[in-house]
C-alpha atoms as a PDB file:
ATOM      1  CA  MET A   1      23.164  -5.456  12.825  1.00  0.00           C
ATOM      2  CA  ILE A   2      20.600  -7.703  14.189  1.00  0.00           C
ATOM      3  CA  ALA A   3      18.972  -9.980  11.640  1.00  0.00           C
ATOM      4  CA  CYS A   4      15.454 -11.383  12.693  1.00  0.00           C
ATOM      5  CA  GLU A   5      12.798 -13.259  10.992  1.00  0.00           C
ATOM      6  CA  LEU A   6       9.086 -12.361  11.444  1.00  0.00           C
ATOM      7  CA  PRO A   7       6.834 -14.791  10.020  1.00  0.00           C
ATOM      8  CA  THR A   8       3.235 -14.055   9.312  1.00  0.00           C
ATOM      9  CA  GLU A   9       0.344 -16.208   8.281  1.00  0.00           C
ATOM     10  CA  ASN A  10       1.068 -15.859   4.604  1.00  0.00           C
ATOM     11  CA  ALA A  11       4.328 -14.613   4.281  1.00  0.00           C
ATOM     12  CA  MET A  12       8.089 -14.997   5.398  1.00  0.00           C
ATOM     13  CA  THR A  13       9.544 -11.590   6.158  1.00  0.00           C
ATOM     14  CA  SER A  14      13.349 -10.561   7.018  1.00  0.00           C
ATOM     15  CA  TYR A  15      14.137  -7.241   8.711  1.00  0.00           C
ATOM     16  CA  ILE A  16      17.464  -5.849   9.838  1.00  0.00           C
ATOM     17  CA  GLN A  17      16.956  -3.200  12.414  1.00  0.00           C
ATOM     18  CA  GLY A  18      18.221   0.278  12.251  1.00  0.00           C
ATOM     19  CA  HIS A  19      18.527   0.983   8.319  1.00  0.00           C
ATOM     20  CA  ASP A  20      16.212   1.955   5.313  1.00  0.00           C
ATOM     21  CA  VAL A  21      14.564  -1.011   3.800  1.00  0.00           C
ATOM     22  CA  THR A  22      14.787  -2.213   0.064  1.00  0.00           C
ATOM     23  CA  GLU A  23      12.368  -4.784  -1.229  1.00  0.00           C
ATOM     24  CA  ALA A  24      13.102  -6.267  -4.449  1.00  0.00           C
ATOM     25  CA  VAL A  25      11.301  -9.656  -5.055  1.00  0.00           C
ATOM     26  CA  ASN A  26      10.846 -11.903  -8.051  1.00  0.00           C
ATOM     27  CA  ILE A  27       8.405 -14.499  -6.431  1.00  0.00           C
ATOM     28  CA  SER A  28       8.573 -16.960  -9.205  1.00  0.00           C
ATOM     29  CA  ALA A  29      12.366 -17.365  -8.896  1.00  0.00           C
ATOM     30  CA  ARG A  30      12.473 -16.719  -5.153  1.00  0.00           C
ATOM     31  CA  ARG A  31      15.230 -14.289  -5.603  1.00  0.00           C
ATOM     32  CA  ALA A  32      15.772 -11.131  -3.757  1.00  0.00           C
ATOM     33  CA  THR A  33      18.317  -8.320  -4.994  1.00  0.00           C
ATOM     34  CA  ARG A  34      20.773  -7.081  -2.025  1.00  0.00           C
ATOM     35  CA  SER A  35      22.159  -3.643  -1.990  1.00  0.00           C
ATOM     36  CA  SER A  36      24.141  -1.712   0.628  1.00  0.00           C
ATOM     37  CA  VAL A  37      20.647  -1.111   2.545  1.00  0.00           C
ATOM     38  CA  VAL A  38      18.799  -3.713   4.329  1.00  0.00           C
ATOM     39  CA  SER A  39      16.042  -5.753   2.884  1.00  0.00           C
ATOM     40  CA  ILE A  40      12.502  -6.869   3.543  1.00  0.00           C
ATOM     41  CA  VAL A  41      11.743  -9.848   1.375  1.00  0.00           C
ATOM     42  CA  ARG A  42       8.334 -11.161   1.359  1.00  0.00           C
ATOM     43  CA  PHE A  43       7.418 -14.362  -0.154  1.00  0.00           C
ATOM     44  CA  PRO A  44       3.435 -14.893  -0.383  1.00  0.00           C
ATOM     45  CA  LEU A  45       2.627 -18.415  -0.115  1.00  0.00           C
ATOM     46  CA  ASN A  46      -0.243 -20.135  -1.666  1.00  0.00           C
ATOM     47  CA  THR A  47      -1.860 -17.122  -3.631  1.00  0.00           C
ATOM     48  CA  ALA A  48      -2.760 -16.109  -6.646  1.00  0.00           C
ATOM     49  CA  GLN A  49      -0.046 -13.762  -6.864  1.00  0.00           C
ATOM     50  CA  SER A  50       2.924 -16.389  -6.356  1.00  0.00           C
ATOM     51  CA  THR A  51       4.146 -16.017  -9.760  1.00  0.00           C
ATOM     52  CA  ALA A  52       4.057 -12.206  -9.988  1.00  0.00           C
ATOM     53  CA  SER A  53       7.034  -9.892  -9.848  1.00  0.00           C
ATOM     54  CA  ILE A  54       6.995  -6.976  -7.196  1.00  0.00           C
ATOM     55  CA  PRO A  55       8.965  -4.068  -8.127  1.00  0.00           C
ATOM     56  CA  ALA A  56      11.837  -2.793  -6.045  1.00  0.00           C
ATOM     57  CA  ARG A  57      10.704  -0.044  -3.581  1.00  0.00           C
ATOM     58  CA  VAL A  58      12.646   1.809  -0.878  1.00  0.00           C
ATOM     59  CA  TYR A  59      10.785   1.438   2.423  1.00  0.00           C
ATOM     60  CA  SER A  60      11.680   3.326   5.655  1.00  0.00           C
ATOM     61  CA  THR A  61      11.083   2.233   9.392  1.00  0.00           C
ATOM     62  CA  GLU A  62       7.853   4.099   9.146  1.00  0.00           C
ATOM     63  CA  TYR A  63       6.967   1.737   6.510  1.00  0.00           C
ATOM     64  CA  PHE A  64       7.992  -1.102   8.699  1.00  0.00           C
ATOM     65  CA  SER A  65       6.366   0.290  11.796  1.00  0.00           C
ATOM     66  CA  LEU A  66       2.923   0.457   9.425  1.00  0.00           C
ATOM     67  CA  TYR A  67       3.387  -3.091   8.340  1.00  0.00           C
ATOM     68  CA  LYS A  68       3.715  -4.153  11.969  1.00  0.00           C
ATOM     69  CA  LYS A  69       0.248  -2.645  12.730  1.00  0.00           C
ATOM     70  CA  ALA A  70      -1.468  -3.381   9.396  1.00  0.00           C
ATOM     71  CA  PRO A  71       0.232  -6.284   7.608  1.00  0.00           C
ATOM     72  CA  TRP A  72      -2.439  -6.311   4.802  1.00  0.00           C
ATOM     73  CA  VAL A  73      -0.862  -2.871   3.469  1.00  0.00           C
ATOM     74  CA  SER A  74       1.852  -4.850   1.750  1.00  0.00           C
ATOM     75  CA  ASP A  75      -0.411  -6.936  -0.175  1.00  0.00           C
ATOM     76  CA  PHE A  76      -2.690  -3.687  -0.942  1.00  0.00           C
ATOM     77  CA  TYR A  77       0.359  -2.128  -2.336  1.00  0.00           C
ATOM     78  CA  GLY A  78       1.495  -5.036  -4.392  1.00  0.00           C
ATOM     79  CA  ASN A  79      -2.010  -5.826  -5.693  1.00  0.00           C
ATOM     80  CA  SER A  80      -3.581  -2.209  -6.189  1.00  0.00           C
ATOM     81  CA  LYS A  81      -3.467  -2.094 -10.143  1.00  0.00           C
ATOM     82  CA  SER A  82      -5.562  -5.086  -9.902  1.00  0.00           C
ATOM     83  CA  LEU A  83      -8.105  -4.144  -7.387  1.00  0.00           C
ATOM     84  CA  ASP A  84     -11.069  -3.272  -9.538  1.00  0.00           C
ATOM     85  CA  ASN A  85     -14.152  -4.930  -8.408  1.00  0.00           C
ATOM     86  CA  VAL A  86     -15.970  -5.281  -4.856  1.00  0.00           C
ATOM     87  CA  LYS A  87     -14.970  -8.527  -3.995  1.00  0.00           C
ATOM     88  CA  SER A  88     -11.047  -7.996  -4.277  1.00  0.00           C
ATOM     89  CA  LEU A  89     -11.636  -4.409  -2.559  1.00  0.00           C
ATOM     90  CA  LEU A  90     -13.798  -5.713   0.252  1.00  0.00           C
ATOM     91  CA  PRO A  91     -10.952  -7.051   2.663  1.00  0.00           C
ATOM     92  CA  TYR A  92      -9.088  -3.806   2.387  1.00  0.00           C
ATOM     93  CA  TYR A  93     -12.109  -1.627   2.597  1.00  0.00           C
ATOM     94  CA  LYS A  94     -12.980  -3.325   5.734  1.00  0.00           C
ATOM     95  CA  SER A  95      -9.401  -3.098   7.377  1.00  0.00           C
ATOM     96  CA  ILE A  96      -9.370   0.658   6.302  1.00  0.00           C
ATOM     97  CA  ASN A  97     -12.798   1.148   7.734  1.00  0.00           C
ATOM     98  CA  GLU A  98     -11.601  -0.592  11.072  1.00  0.00           C
ATOM     99  CA  LEU A  99      -8.500   1.867  11.286  1.00  0.00           C
ATOM    100  CA  LEU A 100     -10.944   4.823  10.972  1.00  0.00           C
ATOM    101  CA  LYS A 101     -13.675   3.524  13.538  1.00  0.00           C
ATOM    102  CA  ASN A 102     -11.044   2.927  15.897  1.00  0.00           C
ATOM    103  CA  HIS A 103      -9.487   6.299  15.429  1.00  0.00           C
ATOM    104  CA  GLU A 104      -6.355   5.053  14.488  1.00  0.00           C
ATOM    105  CA  TYR A 105      -5.718   8.205  12.365  1.00  0.00           C
ATOM    106  CA  GLU A 106      -1.910   8.044  12.432  1.00  0.00           C
ATOM    107  CA  THR A 107      -1.953   4.665  11.114  1.00  0.00           C
ATOM    108  CA  CYS A 108      -4.314   5.180   8.325  1.00  0.00           C
ATOM    109  CA  ASN A 109      -2.550   8.488   7.490  1.00  0.00           C
ATOM    110  CA  SER A 110       0.722   6.463   7.160  1.00  0.00           C
ATOM    111  CA  PHE A 111      -1.030   4.249   4.759  1.00  0.00           C
ATOM    112  CA  LEU A 112      -2.126   6.759   2.586  1.00  0.00           C
ATOM    113  CA  ARG A 113       1.409   8.306   2.733  1.00  0.00           C
ATOM    114  CA  PHE A 114       2.607   5.261   0.916  1.00  0.00           C
ATOM    115  CA  VAL A 115      -0.199   5.197  -1.959  1.00  0.00           C
ATOM    116  CA  LYS A 116       1.126   6.030  -5.151  1.00  0.00           C
ATOM    117  CA  ALA A 117      -1.700   7.064  -7.308  1.00  0.00           C
ATOM    118  CA  LYS A 118       0.025   5.736 -10.457  1.00  0.00           C
ATOM    119  CA  ASP A 119      -0.063   2.390  -8.924  1.00  0.00           C
ATOM    120  CA  LEU A 120      -3.941   2.309  -8.268  1.00  0.00           C
ATOM    121  CA  SER A 121      -6.568   0.779 -10.416  1.00  0.00           C
ATOM    122  CA  ASP A 122      -9.168   3.260 -12.035  1.00  0.00           C
ATOM    123  CA  VAL A 123     -11.605   2.110  -9.356  1.00  0.00           C
ATOM    124  CA  LEU A 124      -9.249   2.626  -6.473  1.00  0.00           C
ATOM    125  CA  LEU A 125      -8.322   6.157  -7.653  1.00  0.00           C
ATOM    126  CA  VAL A 126     -11.651   7.308  -6.803  1.00  0.00           C
ATOM    127  CA  GLY A 127     -12.604   4.672  -3.931  1.00  0.00           C
ATOM    128  CA  LEU A 128     -10.058   5.280  -1.699  1.00  0.00           C
ATOM    129  CA  LEU A 129     -10.573   9.019  -1.707  1.00  0.00           C
ATOM    130  CA  ARG A 130     -14.284   8.760  -1.183  1.00  0.00           C
ATOM    131  CA  LEU A 131     -13.912   5.908   1.435  1.00  0.00           C
ATOM    132  CA  THR A 132     -11.603   8.140   3.716  1.00  0.00           C
ATOM    133  CA  SER A 133     -13.077  11.600   2.678  1.00  0.00           C
ATOM    134  CA  SER A 134     -15.171  11.779   5.743  1.00  0.00           C
ATOM    135  CA  TRP A 135     -12.057  11.699   8.007  1.00  0.00           C
ATOM    136  CA  LYS A 136      -9.724  14.040   5.708  1.00  0.00           C
ATOM    137  CA  ASP A 137      -9.476  16.660   8.429  1.00  0.00           C
ATOM    138  CA  ASP A 138      -7.744  13.907  10.517  1.00  0.00           C
ATOM    139  CA  LEU A 139      -5.679  12.561   7.658  1.00  0.00           C
ATOM    140  CA  PRO A 140      -2.959  15.224   6.374  1.00  0.00           C
ATOM    141  CA  GLU A 141      -2.054  12.842   3.441  1.00  0.00           C
ATOM    142  CA  TRP A 142      -5.457  12.735   2.203  1.00  0.00           C
ATOM    143  CA  THR A 143      -5.004  16.206   0.416  1.00  0.00           C
ATOM    144  CA  ARG A 144      -1.760  15.134  -1.118  1.00  0.00           C
ATOM    145  CA  LEU A 145      -3.606  11.902  -2.374  1.00  0.00           C
ATOM    146  CA  LEU A 146      -6.447  13.849  -3.932  1.00  0.00           C
ATOM    147  CA  SER A 147      -3.800  16.072  -5.748  1.00  0.00           C
ATOM    148  CA  SER A 148      -1.719  12.967  -7.307  1.00  0.00           C
ATOM    149  CA  VAL A 149      -5.066  11.444  -7.748  1.00  0.00           C
ATOM    150  CA  THR A 150      -6.312  14.320 -10.035  1.00  0.00           C
ATOM    151  CA  THR A 151      -3.175  14.464 -11.878  1.00  0.00           C
ATOM    152  CA  GLU A 152      -3.047  10.705 -12.479  1.00  0.00           C
ATOM    153  CA  MET A 153      -6.372  10.785 -13.720  1.00  0.00           C
ATOM    154  CA  SER A 154      -5.843  13.552 -16.201  1.00  0.00           C
ATOM    155  CA  SER A 155      -2.799  11.613 -17.590  1.00  0.00           C
ATOM    156  CA  ARG A 156      -5.203   8.442 -17.954  1.00  0.00           C
ATOM    157  CA  GLY A 157      -7.541  10.676 -20.328  1.00  0.00           C
ATOM    158  CA  LYS A 158     -10.230  10.681 -17.622  1.00  0.00           C
ATOM    159  CA  ASP A 159     -11.941  14.018 -16.447  1.00  0.00           C
ATOM    160  CA  PRO A 160     -11.168  14.425 -12.564  1.00  0.00           C
ATOM    161  CA  LEU A 161     -13.805  17.055 -12.161  1.00  0.00           C
ATOM    162  CA  VAL A 162     -16.441  14.507 -13.173  1.00  0.00           C
ATOM    163  CA  SER A 163     -14.940  11.340 -11.307  1.00  0.00           C
ATOM    164  CA  LEU A 164     -14.074  13.310  -8.370  1.00  0.00           C
ATOM    165  CA  LYS A 165     -17.214  15.457  -7.962  1.00  0.00           C
ATOM    166  CA  GLY A 166     -17.846  16.125  -4.441  1.00  0.00           C
ATOM    167  CA  LEU A 167     -14.303  15.665  -3.512  1.00  0.00           C
ATOM    168  CA  ILE A 168     -12.633  18.729  -5.113  1.00  0.00           C
END
């Protein structure tokens, strides 16, 4: 195995090639859980989230490839429950629009593949689908996301037929 560090502007990332990747970080204590799989450990620096805990997730080489093309996705997934206003959403919406404008449909589709409806704020449940709906024919994961968002909205006591009008 080859270990290498890939520093980014606001994060330090460790990756060991050739294996699935587990991320388990308690940022406030700067501890990472190691298991038999290889780890990506991300430590955001100088951010409001520096005291938050990030749940353990298993990532594939596909996730790492997505992260290399669009490093903002890691922050998006980690903060998606609290993204509920224009100020917090704007940078992510701009990034998603850039992918779509540049016809990077596979990258955007990979991004959608890792979105979990249960982890989205109420605003993102609808907003992400509306933002990408014009390209749904180029994004096979869009239909899966629509289905999981519909189920999640119902479990939150919201009427998906009303909120997703025009998308269903």
